[in-house]
């Protein structure tokens, strides 16, 4: 999540939330 950010949702639109390890 930290490394790829918004790219995750672009690649997998089913994802609702992307959160890095410092923001739990």
PDBML (XML) file of the C-alpha atoms, coordinates in Angstrom:
<?xml version="1.0" encoding="UTF-8" ?>
<PDBx:datablock datablockName="MODEL"
   xmlns:PDBx="http://pdbml.pdb.org/schema/pdbx-v50.xsd"
   xmlns:xsi="http://www.w3.org/2001/XMLSchema-instance"
   xsi:schemaLocation="http://pdbml.pdb.org/schema/pdbx-v50.xsd pdbx-v50.xsd">
   <PDBx:atom_siteCategory>
      <PDBx:atom_site id="1">
         <PDBx:B_iso_or_equiv>0.00</PDBx:B_iso_or_equiv>
         <PDBx:Cartn_x>0.000</PDBx:Cartn_x>
         <PDBx:Cartn_y>0.000</PDBx:Cartn_y>
         <PDBx:Cartn_z>0.000</PDBx:Cartn_z>
         <PDBx:auth_asym_id>A</PDBx:auth_asym_id>
         <PDBx:auth_atom_id>CA</PDBx:auth_atom_id>
         <PDBx:auth_comp_id>UNK</PDBx:auth_comp_id>
         <PDBx:auth_seq_id>1</PDBx:auth_seq_id>
         <PDBx:group_PDB>ATOM</PDBx:group_PDB>
         <PDBx:label_alt_id xsi:nil="true" />
         <PDBx:label_asym_id>A</PDBx:label_asym_id>
         <PDBx:label_atom_id>CA</PDBx:label_atom_id>
         <PDBx:label_comp_id>UNK</PDBx:label_comp_id>
         <PDBx:label_entity_id>1</PDBx:label_entity_id>
         <PDBx:label_seq_id>1</PDBx:label_seq_id>
         <PDBx:occupancy>1.00</PDBx:occupancy>
         <PDBx:pdbx_PDB_model_num>1</PDBx:pdbx_PDB_model_num>
         <PDBx:type_symbol>C</PDBx:type_symbol>
      </PDBx:atom_site>
      <PDBx:atom_site id="2">
         <PDBx:B_iso_or_equiv>0.00</PDBx:B_iso_or_equiv>
         <PDBx:Cartn_x>2.777</PDBx:Cartn_x>
         <PDBx:Cartn_y>2.411</PDBx:Cartn_y>
         <PDBx:Cartn_z>0.914</PDBx:Cartn_z>
         <PDBx:auth_asym_id>A</PDBx:auth_asym_id>
         <PDBx:auth_atom_id>CA</PDBx:auth_atom_id>
         <PDBx:auth_comp_id>UNK</PDBx:auth_comp_id>
         <PDBx:auth_seq_id>2</PDBx:auth_seq_id>
         <PDBx:group_PDB>ATOM</PDBx:group_PDB>
         <PDBx:label_alt_id xsi:nil="true" />
         <PDBx:label_asym_id>A</PDBx:label_asym_id>
         <PDBx:label_atom_id>CA</PDBx:label_atom_id>
         <PDBx:label_comp_id>UNK</PDBx:label_comp_id>
         <PDBx:label_entity_id>1</PDBx:label_entity_id>
         <PDBx:label_seq_id>2</PDBx:label_seq_id>
         <PDBx:occupancy>1.00</PDBx:occupancy>
         <PDBx:pdbx_PDB_model_num>1</PDBx:pdbx_PDB_model_num>
         <PDBx:type_symbol>C</PDBx:type_symbol>
      </PDBx:atom_site>
      <PDBx:atom_site id="3">
         <PDBx:B_iso_or_equiv>0.00</PDBx:B_iso_or_equiv>
         <PDBx:Cartn_x>4.781</PDBx:Cartn_x>
         <PDBx:Cartn_y>1.680</PDBx:Cartn_y>
         <PDBx:Cartn_z>-2.228</PDBx:Cartn_z>
         <PDBx:auth_asym_id>A</PDBx:auth_asym_id>
         <PDBx:auth_atom_id>CA</PDBx:auth_atom_id>
         <PDBx:auth_comp_id>UNK</PDBx:auth_comp_id>
         <PDBx:auth_seq_id>3</PDBx:auth_seq_id>
         <PDBx:group_PDB>ATOM</PDBx:group_PDB>
         <PDBx:label_alt_id xsi:nil="true" />
         <PDBx:label_asym_id>A</PDBx:label_asym_id>
         <PDBx:label_atom_id>CA</PDBx:label_atom_id>
         <PDBx:label_comp_id>UNK</PDBx:label_comp_id>
         <PDBx:label_entity_id>1</PDBx:label_entity_id>
         <PDBx:label_seq_id>3</PDBx:label_seq_id>
         <PDBx:occupancy>1.00</PDBx:occupancy>
         <PDBx:pdbx_PDB_model_num>1</PDBx:pdbx_PDB_model_num>
         <PDBx:type_symbol>C</PDBx:type_symbol>
      </PDBx:atom_site>
      <PDBx:atom_site id="4">
         <PDBx:B_iso_or_equiv>0.00</PDBx:B_iso_or_equiv>
         <PDBx:Cartn_x>1.992</PDBx:Cartn_x>
         <PDBx:Cartn_y>1.627</PDBx:Cartn_y>
         <PDBx:Cartn_z>-4.810</PDBx:Cartn_z>
         <PDBx:auth_asym_id>A</PDBx:auth_asym_id>
         <PDBx:auth_atom_id>CA</PDBx:auth_atom_id>
         <PDBx:auth_comp_id>UNK</PDBx:auth_comp_id>
         <PDBx:auth_seq_id>4</PDBx:auth_seq_id>
         <PDBx:group_PDB>ATOM</PDBx:group_PDB>
         <PDBx:label_alt_id xsi:nil="true" />
         <PDBx:label_asym_id>A</PDBx:label_asym_id>
         <PDBx:label_atom_id>CA</PDBx:label_atom_id>
         <PDBx:label_comp_id>UNK</PDBx:label_comp_id>
         <PDBx:label_entity_id>1</PDBx:label_entity_id>
         <PDBx:label_seq_id>4</PDBx:label_seq_id>
         <PDBx:occupancy>1.00</PDBx:occupancy>
         <PDBx:pdbx_PDB_model_num>1</PDBx:pdbx_PDB_model_num>
         <PDBx:type_symbol>C</PDBx:type_symbol>
      </PDBx:atom_site>
      <PDBx:atom_site id="5">
         <PDBx:B_iso_or_equiv>0.00</PDBx:B_iso_or_equiv>
         <PDBx:Cartn_x>-0.743</PDBx:Cartn_x>
         <PDBx:Cartn_y>3.866</PDBx:Cartn_y>
         <PDBx:Cartn_z>-3.333</PDBx:Cartn_z>
         <PDBx:auth_asym_id>A</PDBx:auth_asym_id>
         <PDBx:auth_atom_id>CA</PDBx:auth_atom_id>
         <PDBx:auth_comp_id>UNK</PDBx:auth_comp_id>
         <PDBx:auth_seq_id>5</PDBx:auth_seq_id>
         <PDBx:group_PDB>ATOM</PDBx:group_PDB>
         <PDBx:label_alt_id xsi:nil="true" />
         <PDBx:label_asym_id>A</PDBx:label_asym_id>
         <PDBx:label_atom_id>CA</PDBx:label_atom_id>
         <PDBx:label_comp_id>UNK</PDBx:label_comp_id>
         <PDBx:label_entity_id>1</PDBx:label_entity_id>
         <PDBx:label_seq_id>5</PDBx:label_seq_id>
         <PDBx:occupancy>1.00</PDBx:occupancy>
         <PDBx:pdbx_PDB_model_num>1</PDBx:pdbx_PDB_model_num>
         <PDBx:type_symbol>C</PDBx:type_symbol>
      </PDBx:atom_site>
      <PDBx:atom_site id="6">
         <PDBx:B_iso_or_equiv>0.00</PDBx:B_iso_or_equiv>
         <PDBx:Cartn_x>-3.409</PDBx:Cartn_x>
         <PDBx:Cartn_y>4.861</PDBx:Cartn_y>
         <PDBx:Cartn_z>-5.862</PDBx:Cartn_z>
         <PDBx:auth_asym_id>A</PDBx:auth_asym_id>
         <PDBx:auth_atom_id>CA</PDBx:auth_atom_id>
         <PDBx:auth_comp_id>UNK</PDBx:auth_comp_id>
         <PDBx:auth_seq_id>6</PDBx:auth_seq_id>
         <PDBx:group_PDB>ATOM</PDBx:group_PDB>
         <PDBx:label_alt_id xsi:nil="true" />
         <PDBx:label_asym_id>A</PDBx:label_asym_id>
         <PDBx:label_atom_id>CA</PDBx:label_atom_id>
         <PDBx:label_comp_id>UNK</PDBx:label_comp_id>
         <PDBx:label_entity_id>1</PDBx:label_entity_id>
         <PDBx:label_seq_id>6</PDBx:label_seq_id>
         <PDBx:occupancy>1.00</PDBx:occupancy>
         <PDBx:pdbx_PDB_model_num>1</PDBx:pdbx_PDB_model_num>
         <PDBx:type_symbol>C</PDBx:type_symbol>
      </PDBx:atom_site>
      <PDBx:atom_site id="7">
         <PDBx:B_iso_or_equiv>0.00</PDBx:B_iso_or_equiv>
         <PDBx:Cartn_x>-1.989</PDBx:Cartn_x>
         <PDBx:Cartn_y>2.390</PDBx:Cartn_y>
         <PDBx:Cartn_z>-8.408</PDBx:Cartn_z>
         <PDBx:auth_asym_id>A</PDBx:auth_asym_id>
         <PDBx:auth_atom_id>CA</PDBx:auth_atom_id>
         <PDBx:auth_comp_id>UNK</PDBx:auth_comp_id>
         <PDBx:auth_seq_id>7</PDBx:auth_seq_id>
         <PDBx:group_PDB>ATOM</PDBx:group_PDB>
         <PDBx:label_alt_id xsi:nil="true" />
         <PDBx:label_asym_id>A</PDBx:label_asym_id>
         <PDBx:label_atom_id>CA</PDBx:label_atom_id>
         <PDBx:label_comp_id>UNK</PDBx:label_comp_id>
         <PDBx:label_entity_id>1</PDBx:label_entity_id>
         <PDBx:label_seq_id>7</PDBx:label_seq_id>
         <PDBx:occupancy>1.00</PDBx:occupancy>
         <PDBx:pdbx_PDB_model_num>1</PDBx:pdbx_PDB_model_num>
         <PDBx:type_symbol>C</PDBx:type_symbol>
      </PDBx:atom_site>
      <PDBx:atom_site id="8">
         <PDBx:B_iso_or_equiv>0.00</PDBx:B_iso_or_equiv>
         <PDBx:Cartn_x>-3.601</PDBx:Cartn_x>
         <PDBx:Cartn_y>-0.391</PDBx:Cartn_y>
         <PDBx:Cartn_z>-6.352</PDBx:Cartn_z>
         <PDBx:auth_asym_id>A</PDBx:auth_asym_id>
         <PDBx:auth_atom_id>CA</PDBx:auth_atom_id>
         <PDBx:auth_comp_id>UNK</PDBx:auth_comp_id>
         <PDBx:auth_seq_id>8</PDBx:auth_seq_id>
         <PDBx:group_PDB>ATOM</PDBx:group_PDB>
         <PDBx:label_alt_id xsi:nil="true" />
         <PDBx:label_asym_id>A</PDBx:label_asym_id>
         <PDBx:label_atom_id>CA</PDBx:label_atom_id>
         <PDBx:label_comp_id>UNK</PDBx:label_comp_id>
         <PDBx:label_entity_id>1</PDBx:label_entity_id>
         <PDBx:label_seq_id>8</PDBx:label_seq_id>
         <PDBx:occupancy>1.00</PDBx:occupancy>
         <PDBx:pdbx_PDB_model_num>1</PDBx:pdbx_PDB_model_num>
         <PDBx:type_symbol>C</PDBx:type_symbol>
      </PDBx:atom_site>
      <PDBx:atom_site id="9">
         <PDBx:B_iso_or_equiv>0.00</PDBx:B_iso_or_equiv>
         <PDBx:Cartn_x>-7.101</PDBx:Cartn_x>
         <PDBx:Cartn_y>0.982</PDBx:Cartn_y>
         <PDBx:Cartn_z>-6.940</PDBx:Cartn_z>
         <PDBx:auth_asym_id>A</PDBx:auth_asym_id>
         <PDBx:auth_atom_id>CA</PDBx:auth_atom_id>
         <PDBx:auth_comp_id>UNK</PDBx:auth_comp_id>
         <PDBx:auth_seq_id>9</PDBx:auth_seq_id>
         <PDBx:group_PDB>ATOM</PDBx:group_PDB>
         <PDBx:label_alt_id xsi:nil="true" />
         <PDBx:label_asym_id>A</PDBx:label_asym_id>
         <PDBx:label_atom_id>CA</PDBx:label_atom_id>
         <PDBx:label_comp_id>UNK</PDBx:label_comp_id>
         <PDBx:label_entity_id>1</PDBx:label_entity_id>
         <PDBx:label_seq_id>9</PDBx:label_seq_id>
         <PDBx:occupancy>1.00</PDBx:occupancy>
         <PDBx:pdbx_PDB_model_num>1</PDBx:pdbx_PDB_model_num>
         <PDBx:type_symbol>C</PDBx:type_symbol>
      </PDBx:atom_site>
      <PDBx:atom_site id="10">
         <PDBx:B_iso_or_equiv>0.00</PDBx:B_iso_or_equiv>
         <PDBx:Cartn_x>-6.284</PDBx:Cartn_x>
         <PDBx:Cartn_y>1.608</PDBx:Cartn_y>
         <PDBx:Cartn_z>-10.610</PDBx:Cartn_z>
         <PDBx:auth_asym_id>A</PDBx:auth_asym_id>
         <PDBx:auth_atom_id>CA</PDBx:auth_atom_id>
         <PDBx:auth_comp_id>UNK</PDBx:auth_comp_id>
         <PDBx:auth_seq_id>10</PDBx:auth_seq_id>
         <PDBx:group_PDB>ATOM</PDBx:group_PDB>
         <PDBx:label_alt_id xsi:nil="true" />
         <PDBx:label_asym_id>A</PDBx:label_asym_id>
         <PDBx:label_atom_id>CA</PDBx:label_atom_id>
         <PDBx:label_comp_id>UNK</PDBx:label_comp_id>
         <PDBx:label_entity_id>1</PDBx:label_entity_id>
         <PDBx:label_seq_id>10</PDBx:label_seq_id>
         <PDBx:occupancy>1.00</PDBx:occupancy>
         <PDBx:pdbx_PDB_model_num>1</PDBx:pdbx_PDB_model_num>
         <PDBx:type_symbol>C</PDBx:type_symbol>
      </PDBx:atom_site>
      <PDBx:atom_site id="11">
         <PDBx:B_iso_or_equiv>0.00</PDBx:B_iso_or_equiv>
         <PDBx:Cartn_x>-5.247</PDBx:Cartn_x>
         <PDBx:Cartn_y>-2.019</PDBx:Cartn_y>
         <PDBx:Cartn_z>-10.967</PDBx:Cartn_z>
         <PDBx:auth_asym_id>A</PDBx:auth_asym_id>
         <PDBx:auth_atom_id>CA</PDBx:auth_atom_id>
         <PDBx:auth_comp_id>UNK</PDBx:auth_comp_id>
         <PDBx:auth_seq_id>11</PDBx:auth_seq_id>
         <PDBx:group_PDB>ATOM</PDBx:group_PDB>
         <PDBx:label_alt_id xsi:nil="true" />
         <PDBx:label_asym_id>A</PDBx:label_asym_id>
         <PDBx:label_atom_id>CA</PDBx:label_atom_id>
         <PDBx:label_comp_id>UNK</PDBx:label_comp_id>
         <PDBx:label_entity_id>1</PDBx:label_entity_id>
         <PDBx:label_seq_id>11</PDBx:label_seq_id>
         <PDBx:occupancy>1.00</PDBx:occupancy>
         <PDBx:pdbx_PDB_model_num>1</PDBx:pdbx_PDB_model_num>
         <PDBx:type_symbol>C</PDBx:type_symbol>
      </PDBx:atom_site>
      <PDBx:atom_site id="12">
         <PDBx:B_iso_or_equiv>0.00</PDBx:B_iso_or_equiv>
         <PDBx:Cartn_x>-7.929</PDBx:Cartn_x>
         <PDBx:Cartn_y>-3.442</PDBx:Cartn_y>
         <PDBx:Cartn_z>-8.629</PDBx:Cartn_z>
         <PDBx:auth_asym_id>A</PDBx:auth_asym_id>
         <PDBx:auth_atom_id>CA</PDBx:auth_atom_id>
         <PDBx:auth_comp_id>UNK</PDBx:auth_comp_id>
         <PDBx:auth_seq_id>12</PDBx:auth_seq_id>
         <PDBx:group_PDB>ATOM</PDBx:group_PDB>
         <PDBx:label_alt_id xsi:nil="true" />
         <PDBx:label_asym_id>A</PDBx:label_asym_id>
         <PDBx:label_atom_id>CA</PDBx:label_atom_id>
         <PDBx:label_comp_id>UNK</PDBx:label_comp_id>
         <PDBx:label_entity_id>1</PDBx:label_entity_id>
         <PDBx:label_seq_id>12</PDBx:label_seq_id>
         <PDBx:occupancy>1.00</PDBx:occupancy>
         <PDBx:pdbx_PDB_model_num>1</PDBx:pdbx_PDB_model_num>
         <PDBx:type_symbol>C</PDBx:type_symbol>
      </PDBx:atom_site>
      <PDBx:atom_site id="13">
         <PDBx:B_iso_or_equiv>0.00</PDBx:B_iso_or_equiv>
         <PDBx:Cartn_x>-10.945</PDBx:Cartn_x>
         <PDBx:Cartn_y>-1.079</PDBx:Cartn_y>
         <PDBx:Cartn_z>-8.501</PDBx:Cartn_z>
         <PDBx:auth_asym_id>A</PDBx:auth_asym_id>
         <PDBx:auth_atom_id>CA</PDBx:auth_atom_id>
         <PDBx:auth_comp_id>UNK</PDBx:auth_comp_id>
         <PDBx:auth_seq_id>13</PDBx:auth_seq_id>
         <PDBx:group_PDB>ATOM</PDBx:group_PDB>
         <PDBx:label_alt_id xsi:nil="true" />
         <PDBx:label_asym_id>A</PDBx:label_asym_id>
         <PDBx:label_atom_id>CA</PDBx:label_atom_id>
         <PDBx:label_comp_id>UNK</PDBx:label_comp_id>
         <PDBx:label_entity_id>1</PDBx:label_entity_id>
         <PDBx:label_seq_id>13</PDBx:label_seq_id>
         <PDBx:occupancy>1.00</PDBx:occupancy>
         <PDBx:pdbx_PDB_model_num>1</PDBx:pdbx_PDB_model_num>
         <PDBx:type_symbol>C</PDBx:type_symbol>
      </PDBx:atom_site>
      <PDBx:atom_site id="14">
         <PDBx:B_iso_or_equiv>0.00</PDBx:B_iso_or_equiv>
         <PDBx:Cartn_x>-12.664</PDBx:Cartn_x>
         <PDBx:Cartn_y>-3.388</PDBx:Cartn_y>
         <PDBx:Cartn_z>-6.021</PDBx:Cartn_z>
         <PDBx:auth_asym_id>A</PDBx:auth_asym_id>
         <PDBx:auth_atom_id>CA</PDBx:auth_atom_id>
         <PDBx:auth_comp_id>UNK</PDBx:auth_comp_id>
         <PDBx:auth_seq_id>14</PDBx:auth_seq_id>
         <PDBx:group_PDB>ATOM</PDBx:group_PDB>
         <PDBx:label_alt_id xsi:nil="true" />
         <PDBx:label_asym_id>A</PDBx:label_asym_id>
         <PDBx:label_atom_id>CA</PDBx:label_atom_id>
         <PDBx:label_comp_id>UNK</PDBx:label_comp_id>
         <PDBx:label_entity_id>1</PDBx:label_entity_id>
         <PDBx:label_seq_id>14</PDBx:label_seq_id>
         <PDBx:occupancy>1.00</PDBx:occupancy>
         <PDBx:pdbx_PDB_model_num>1</PDBx:pdbx_PDB_model_num>
         <PDBx:type_symbol>C</PDBx:type_symbol>
      </PDBx:atom_site>
      <PDBx:atom_site id="15">
         <PDBx:B_iso_or_equiv>0.00</PDBx:B_iso_or_equiv>
         <PDBx:Cartn_x>-10.381</PDBx:Cartn_x>
         <PDBx:Cartn_y>-1.946</PDBx:Cartn_y>
         <PDBx:Cartn_z>-3.297</PDBx:Cartn_z>
         <PDBx:auth_asym_id>A</PDBx:auth_asym_id>
         <PDBx:auth_atom_id>CA</PDBx:auth_atom_id>
         <PDBx:auth_comp_id>UNK</PDBx:auth_comp_id>
         <PDBx:auth_seq_id>15</PDBx:auth_seq_id>
         <PDBx:group_PDB>ATOM</PDBx:group_PDB>
         <PDBx:label_alt_id xsi:nil="true" />
         <PDBx:label_asym_id>A</PDBx:label_asym_id>
         <PDBx:label_atom_id>CA</PDBx:label_atom_id>
         <PDBx:label_comp_id>UNK</PDBx:label_comp_id>
         <PDBx:label_entity_id>1</PDBx:label_entity_id>
         <PDBx:label_seq_id>15</PDBx:label_seq_id>
         <PDBx:occupancy>1.00</PDBx:occupancy>
         <PDBx:pdbx_PDB_model_num>1</PDBx:pdbx_PDB_model_num>
         <PDBx:type_symbol>C</PDBx:type_symbol>
      </PDBx:atom_site>
      <PDBx:atom_site id="16">
         <PDBx:B_iso_or_equiv>0.00</PDBx:B_iso_or_equiv>
         <PDBx:Cartn_x>-12.039</PDBx:Cartn_x>
         <PDBx:Cartn_y>0.680</PDBx:Cartn_y>
         <PDBx:Cartn_z>-1.088</PDBx:Cartn_z>
         <PDBx:auth_asym_id>A</PDBx:auth_asym_id>
         <PDBx:auth_atom_id>CA</PDBx:auth_atom_id>
         <PDBx:auth_comp_id>UNK</PDBx:auth_comp_id>
         <PDBx:auth_seq_id>16</PDBx:auth_seq_id>
         <PDBx:group_PDB>ATOM</PDBx:group_PDB>
         <PDBx:label_alt_id xsi:nil="true" />
         <PDBx:label_asym_id>A</PDBx:label_asym_id>
         <PDBx:label_atom_id>CA</PDBx:label_atom_id>
         <PDBx:label_comp_id>UNK</PDBx:label_comp_id>
         <PDBx:label_entity_id>1</PDBx:label_entity_id>
         <PDBx:label_seq_id>16</PDBx:label_seq_id>
         <PDBx:occupancy>1.00</PDBx:occupancy>
         <PDBx:pdbx_PDB_model_num>1</PDBx:pdbx_PDB_model_num>
         <PDBx:type_symbol>C</PDBx:type_symbol>
      </PDBx:atom_site>
      <PDBx:atom_site id="17">
         <PDBx:B_iso_or_equiv>0.00</PDBx:B_iso_or_equiv>
         <PDBx:Cartn_x>-9.159</PDBx:Cartn_x>
         <PDBx:Cartn_y>1.767</PDBx:Cartn_y>
         <PDBx:Cartn_z>1.172</PDBx:Cartn_z>
         <PDBx:auth_asym_id>A</PDBx:auth_asym_id>
         <PDBx:auth_atom_id>CA</PDBx:auth_atom_id>
         <PDBx:auth_comp_id>UNK</PDBx:auth_comp_id>
         <PDBx:auth_seq_id>17</PDBx:auth_seq_id>
         <PDBx:group_PDB>ATOM</PDBx:group_PDB>
         <PDBx:label_alt_id xsi:nil="true" />
         <PDBx:label_asym_id>A</PDBx:label_asym_id>
         <PDBx:label_atom_id>CA</PDBx:label_atom_id>
         <PDBx:label_comp_id>UNK</PDBx:label_comp_id>
         <PDBx:label_entity_id>1</PDBx:label_entity_id>
         <PDBx:label_seq_id>17</PDBx:label_seq_id>
         <PDBx:occupancy>1.00</PDBx:occupancy>
         <PDBx:pdbx_PDB_model_num>1</PDBx:pdbx_PDB_model_num>
         <PDBx:type_symbol>C</PDBx:type_symbol>
      </PDBx:atom_site>
      <PDBx:atom_site id="18">
         <PDBx:B_iso_or_equiv>0.00</PDBx:B_iso_or_equiv>
         <PDBx:Cartn_x>-5.375</PDBx:Cartn_x>
         <PDBx:Cartn_y>1.956</PDBx:Cartn_y>
         <PDBx:Cartn_z>0.757</PDBx:Cartn_z>
         <PDBx:auth_asym_id>A</PDBx:auth_asym_id>
         <PDBx:auth_atom_id>CA</PDBx:auth_atom_id>
         <PDBx:auth_comp_id>UNK</PDBx:auth_comp_id>
         <PDBx:auth_seq_id>18</PDBx:auth_seq_id>
         <PDBx:group_PDB>ATOM</PDBx:group_PDB>
         <PDBx:label_alt_id xsi:nil="true" />
         <PDBx:label_asym_id>A</PDBx:label_asym_id>
         <PDBx:label_atom_id>CA</PDBx:label_atom_id>
         <PDBx:label_comp_id>UNK</PDBx:label_comp_id>
         <PDBx:label_entity_id>1</PDBx:label_entity_id>
         <PDBx:label_seq_id>18</PDBx:label_seq_id>
         <PDBx:occupancy>1.00</PDBx:occupancy>
         <PDBx:pdbx_PDB_model_num>1</PDBx:pdbx_PDB_model_num>
         <PDBx:type_symbol>C</PDBx:type_symbol>
      </PDBx:atom_site>
      <PDBx:atom_site id="19">
         <PDBx:B_iso_or_equiv>0.00</PDBx:B_iso_or_equiv>
         <PDBx:Cartn_x>-3.452</PDBx:Cartn_x>
         <PDBx:Cartn_y>2.705</PDBx:Cartn_y>
         <PDBx:Cartn_z>3.956</PDBx:Cartn_z>
         <PDBx:auth_asym_id>A</PDBx:auth_asym_id>
         <PDBx:auth_atom_id>CA</PDBx:auth_atom_id>
         <PDBx:auth_comp_id>UNK</PDBx:auth_comp_id>
         <PDBx:auth_seq_id>19</PDBx:auth_seq_id>
         <PDBx:group_PDB>ATOM</PDBx:group_PDB>
         <PDBx:label_alt_id xsi:nil="true" />
         <PDBx:label_asym_id>A</PDBx:label_asym_id>
         <PDBx:label_atom_id>CA</PDBx:label_atom_id>
         <PDBx:label_comp_id>UNK</PDBx:label_comp_id>
         <PDBx:label_entity_id>1</PDBx:label_entity_id>
         <PDBx:label_seq_id>19</PDBx:label_seq_id>
         <PDBx:occupancy>1.00</PDBx:occupancy>
         <PDBx:pdbx_PDB_model_num>1</PDBx:pdbx_PDB_model_num>
         <PDBx:type_symbol>C</PDBx:type_symbol>
      </PDBx:atom_site>
      <PDBx:atom_site id="20">
         <PDBx:B_iso_or_equiv>0.00</PDBx:B_iso_or_equiv>
         <PDBx:Cartn_x>0.284</PDBx:Cartn_x>
         <PDBx:Cartn_y>2.718</PDBx:Cartn_y>
         <PDBx:Cartn_z>4.648</PDBx:Cartn_z>
         <PDBx:auth_asym_id>A</PDBx:auth_asym_id>
         <PDBx:auth_atom_id>CA</PDBx:auth_atom_id>
         <PDBx:auth_comp_id>UNK</PDBx:auth_comp_id>
         <PDBx:auth_seq_id>20</PDBx:auth_seq_id>
         <PDBx:group_PDB>ATOM</PDBx:group_PDB>
         <PDBx:label_alt_id xsi:nil="true" />
         <PDBx:label_asym_id>A</PDBx:label_asym_id>
         <PDBx:label_atom_id>CA</PDBx:label_atom_id>
         <PDBx:label_comp_id>UNK</PDBx:label_comp_id>
         <PDBx:label_entity_id>1</PDBx:label_entity_id>
         <PDBx:label_seq_id>20</PDBx:label_seq_id>
         <PDBx:occupancy>1.00</PDBx:occupancy>
         <PDBx:pdbx_PDB_model_num>1</PDBx:pdbx_PDB_model_num>
         <PDBx:type_symbol>C</PDBx:type_symbol>
      </PDBx:atom_site>
      <PDBx:atom_site id="21">
         <PDBx:B_iso_or_equiv>0.00</PDBx:B_iso_or_equiv>
         <PDBx:Cartn_x>1.845</PDBx:Cartn_x>
         <PDBx:Cartn_y>1.236</PDBx:Cartn_y>
         <PDBx:Cartn_z>7.790</PDBx:Cartn_z>
         <PDBx:auth_asym_id>A</PDBx:auth_asym_id>
         <PDBx:auth_atom_id>CA</PDBx:auth_atom_id>
         <PDBx:auth_comp_id>UNK</PDBx:auth_comp_id>
         <PDBx:auth_seq_id>21</PDBx:auth_seq_id>
         <PDBx:group_PDB>ATOM</PDBx:group_PDB>
         <PDBx:label_alt_id xsi:nil="true" />
         <PDBx:label_asym_id>A</PDBx:label_asym_id>
         <PDBx:label_atom_id>CA</PDBx:label_atom_id>
         <PDBx:label_comp_id>UNK</PDBx:label_comp_id>
         <PDBx:label_entity_id>1</PDBx:label_entity_id>
         <PDBx:label_seq_id>21</PDBx:label_seq_id>
         <PDBx:occupancy>1.00</PDBx:occupancy>
         <PDBx:pdbx_PDB_model_num>1</PDBx:pdbx_PDB_model_num>
         <PDBx:type_symbol>C</PDBx:type_symbol>
      </PDBx:atom_site>
      <PDBx:atom_site id="22">
         <PDBx:B_iso_or_equiv>0.00</PDBx:B_iso_or_equiv>
         <PDBx:Cartn_x>2.203</PDBx:Cartn_x>
         <PDBx:Cartn_y>4.614</PDBx:Cartn_y>
         <PDBx:Cartn_z>9.516</PDBx:Cartn_z>
         <PDBx:auth_asym_id>A</PDBx:auth_asym_id>
         <PDBx:auth_atom_id>CA</PDBx:auth_atom_id>
         <PDBx:auth_comp_id>UNK</PDBx:auth_comp_id>
         <PDBx:auth_seq_id>22</PDBx:auth_seq_id>
         <PDBx:group_PDB>ATOM</PDBx:group_PDB>
         <PDBx:label_alt_id xsi:nil="true" />
         <PDBx:label_asym_id>A</PDBx:label_asym_id>
         <PDBx:label_atom_id>CA</PDBx:label_atom_id>
         <PDBx:label_comp_id>UNK</PDBx:label_comp_id>
         <PDBx:label_entity_id>1</PDBx:label_entity_id>
         <PDBx:label_seq_id>22</PDBx:label_seq_id>
         <PDBx:occupancy>1.00</PDBx:occupancy>
         <PDBx:pdbx_PDB_model_num>1</PDBx:pdbx_PDB_model_num>
         <PDBx:type_symbol>C</PDBx:type_symbol>
      </PDBx:atom_site>
      <PDBx:atom_site id="23">
         <PDBx:B_iso_or_equiv>0.00</PDBx:B_iso_or_equiv>
         <PDBx:Cartn_x>-1.500</PDBx:Cartn_x>
         <PDBx:Cartn_y>5.472</PDBx:Cartn_y>
         <PDBx:Cartn_z>9.267</PDBx:Cartn_z>
         <PDBx:auth_asym_id>A</PDBx:auth_asym_id>
         <PDBx:auth_atom_id>CA</PDBx:auth_atom_id>
         <PDBx:auth_comp_id>UNK</PDBx:auth_comp_id>
         <PDBx:auth_seq_id>23</PDBx:auth_seq_id>
         <PDBx:group_PDB>ATOM</PDBx:group_PDB>
         <PDBx:label_alt_id xsi:nil="true" />
         <PDBx:label_asym_id>A</PDBx:label_asym_id>
         <PDBx:label_atom_id>CA</PDBx:label_atom_id>
         <PDBx:label_comp_id>UNK</PDBx:label_comp_id>
         <PDBx:label_entity_id>1</PDBx:label_entity_id>
         <PDBx:label_seq_id>23</PDBx:label_seq_id>
         <PDBx:occupancy>1.00</PDBx:occupancy>
         <PDBx:pdbx_PDB_model_num>1</PDBx:pdbx_PDB_model_num>
         <PDBx:type_symbol>C</PDBx:type_symbol>
      </PDBx:atom_site>
      <PDBx:atom_site id="24">
         <PDBx:B_iso_or_equiv>0.00</PDBx:B_iso_or_equiv>
         <PDBx:Cartn_x>-3.424</PDBx:Cartn_x>
         <PDBx:Cartn_y>2.538</PDBx:Cartn_y>
         <PDBx:Cartn_z>10.730</PDBx:Cartn_z>
         <PDBx:auth_asym_id>A</PDBx:auth_asym_id>
         <PDBx:auth_atom_id>CA</PDBx:auth_atom_id>
         <PDBx:auth_comp_id>UNK</PDBx:auth_comp_id>
         <PDBx:auth_seq_id>24</PDBx:auth_seq_id>
         <PDBx:group_PDB>ATOM</PDBx:group_PDB>
         <PDBx:label_alt_id xsi:nil="true" />
         <PDBx:label_asym_id>A</PDBx:label_asym_id>
         <PDBx:label_atom_id>CA</PDBx:label_atom_id>
         <PDBx:label_comp_id>UNK</PDBx:label_comp_id>
         <PDBx:label_entity_id>1</PDBx:label_entity_id>
         <PDBx:label_seq_id>24</PDBx:label_seq_id>
         <PDBx:occupancy>1.00</PDBx:occupancy>
         <PDBx:pdbx_PDB_model_num>1</PDBx:pdbx_PDB_model_num>
         <PDBx:type_symbol>C</PDBx:type_symbol>
      </PDBx:atom_site>
   </PDBx:atom_siteCategory>
</PDBx:datablock>
